[in-house]
C-alpha cells in the first residue's frame, strides 16, 4: 500500500499526456517488486472500501507508516549533512 500511495503522489502533478504511460510503469514496478498482480491488489482495495471504518483504519496505518519512514529518512540525512559529526 505504501508504494501505491507513493506512486499516486508522484503522479499528482504529472501532465496528462504522460500520466497513462507513467501509471503503467509504476504498476509494473509494484508488481515486480512485490510479486503481486496489481489488478488483484486493486480488487482487494475496492472490497475494503465497502467497509469504510476498516478502509479508513488501513489508510491511517499506511499514512502513519509513510510519516515514520519520512522522519527516519530525514533524521538519517540530517546526520550525514551535519559537519560536526
Protein backbone atom coordinates (compact mmCIF):
# COMPACT_ATOMS: atom_id res chain seq x y z
CA UNK A 1 0.00 0.00 0.00
CA UNK A 2 2.88 2.35 0.74
CA UNK A 3 4.15 2.00 -2.82
CA UNK A 4 0.67 2.68 -4.19
CA UNK A 5 0.45 5.89 -2.16
CA UNK A 6 3.94 6.90 -3.24
CA UNK A 7 3.16 6.27 -6.91
CA UNK A 8 -0.08 8.22 -6.62
CA UNK A 9 1.71 11.16 -5.01
CA UNK A 10 4.42 11.07 -7.68
CA UNK A 11 1.79 11.26 -10.43
CA UNK A 12 -0.19 14.06 -8.82
CA UNK A 13 1.35 16.88 -10.83
CA UNK A 14 2.24 14.93 -13.98
CA UNK A 15 0.97 16.29 -17.27
CA UNK A 16 -1.99 14.26 -18.57
CA UNK A 17 -0.02 13.48 -21.73
CA UNK A 18 2.38 11.32 -19.70
CA UNK A 19 0.04 10.07 -16.99
CA UNK A 20 -1.16 6.84 -18.63
CA UNK A 21 2.39 5.79 -19.53
CA UNK A 22 3.65 6.56 -16.04
CA UNK A 23 0.81 4.55 -14.47
CA UNK A 24 1.86 1.52 -16.50
CA UNK A 25 5.47 1.94 -15.35
CA UNK A 26 4.53 2.25 -11.67
CA UNK A 27 2.03 -0.62 -11.80
CA UNK A 28 4.64 -2.86 -13.44
CA UNK A 29 7.29 -1.90 -10.90
CA UNK A 30 4.97 -2.59 -7.97
CA UNK A 31 4.08 -5.99 -9.43
CA UNK A 32 7.73 -6.90 -9.91
CA UNK A 33 8.98 -5.62 -6.55
CA UNK A 34 6.24 -7.28 -4.52
CA UNK A 35 5.49 -10.25 -6.77
CA UNK A 36 1.77 -9.39 -6.91
CA UNK A 37 -0.92 -8.99 -9.53
CA UNK A 38 -1.80 -5.30 -9.29
CA UNK A 39 -5.33 -6.00 -10.58
CA UNK A 40 -5.92 -8.32 -7.62
CA UNK A 41 -4.50 -5.74 -5.22
CA UNK A 42 -6.85 -3.11 -6.64
CA UNK A 43 -9.76 -5.55 -6.38
CA UNK A 44 -8.90 -6.13 -2.73
CA UNK A 45 -8.77 -2.38 -2.13
CA UNK A 46 -12.18 -1.98 -3.78
CA UNK A 47 -13.51 -4.72 -1.49
CA UNK A 48 -12.05 -2.99 1.58
CA UNK A 49 -13.66 0.31 0.55
CA UNK A 50 -17.05 -1.29 1.21
CA UNK A 51 -16.20 -1.22 4.94
CA UNK A 52 -15.36 2.45 5.46
CA UNK A 53 -14.14 2.05 9.02
CA UNK A 54 -11.75 -0.73 8.08
CA UNK A 55 -10.63 1.14 4.96
CA UNK A 56 -10.05 4.37 6.91
CA UNK A 57 -8.10 2.46 9.57
CA UNK A 58 -5.95 0.93 6.84
CA UNK A 59 -5.35 4.33 5.23
CA UNK A 60 -4.40 5.83 8.59
CA UNK A 61 -1.95 2.99 9.24
CA UNK A 62 -0.36 3.39 5.80
CA UNK A 63 -0.07 7.16 6.20
CA UNK A 64 1.44 6.74 9.68
CA UNK A 65 3.97 4.28 8.25
CA UNK A 66 4.90 6.71 5.48
CA UNK A 67 5.28 9.51 8.02
CA UNK A 68 7.58 7.39 10.19
CA UNK A 69 9.67 6.43 7.16
CA UNK A 70 9.99 10.10 6.15
CA UNK A 71 11.10 11.06 9.66
CA UNK A 72 13.72 8.30 9.75
CA UNK A 73 14.98 9.30 6.29
CA UNK A 74 15.16 12.97 7.26
CA UNK A 75 16.97 12.21 10.52
CA UNK A 76 19.44 9.92 8.77
CA UNK A 77 20.24 12.51 6.10
CA UNK A 78 20.46 15.29 8.64
CA UNK A 79 23.22 13.34 10.42
CA UNK A 80 25.09 12.89 7.13
CA UNK A 81 24.92 16.63 6.41
CA UNK A 82 25.91 17.74 9.92
CA UNK A 83 29.56 18.87 9.68
CA UNK A 84 30.06 18.39 13.43
CA UNK A 85 29.79 14.61 13.11
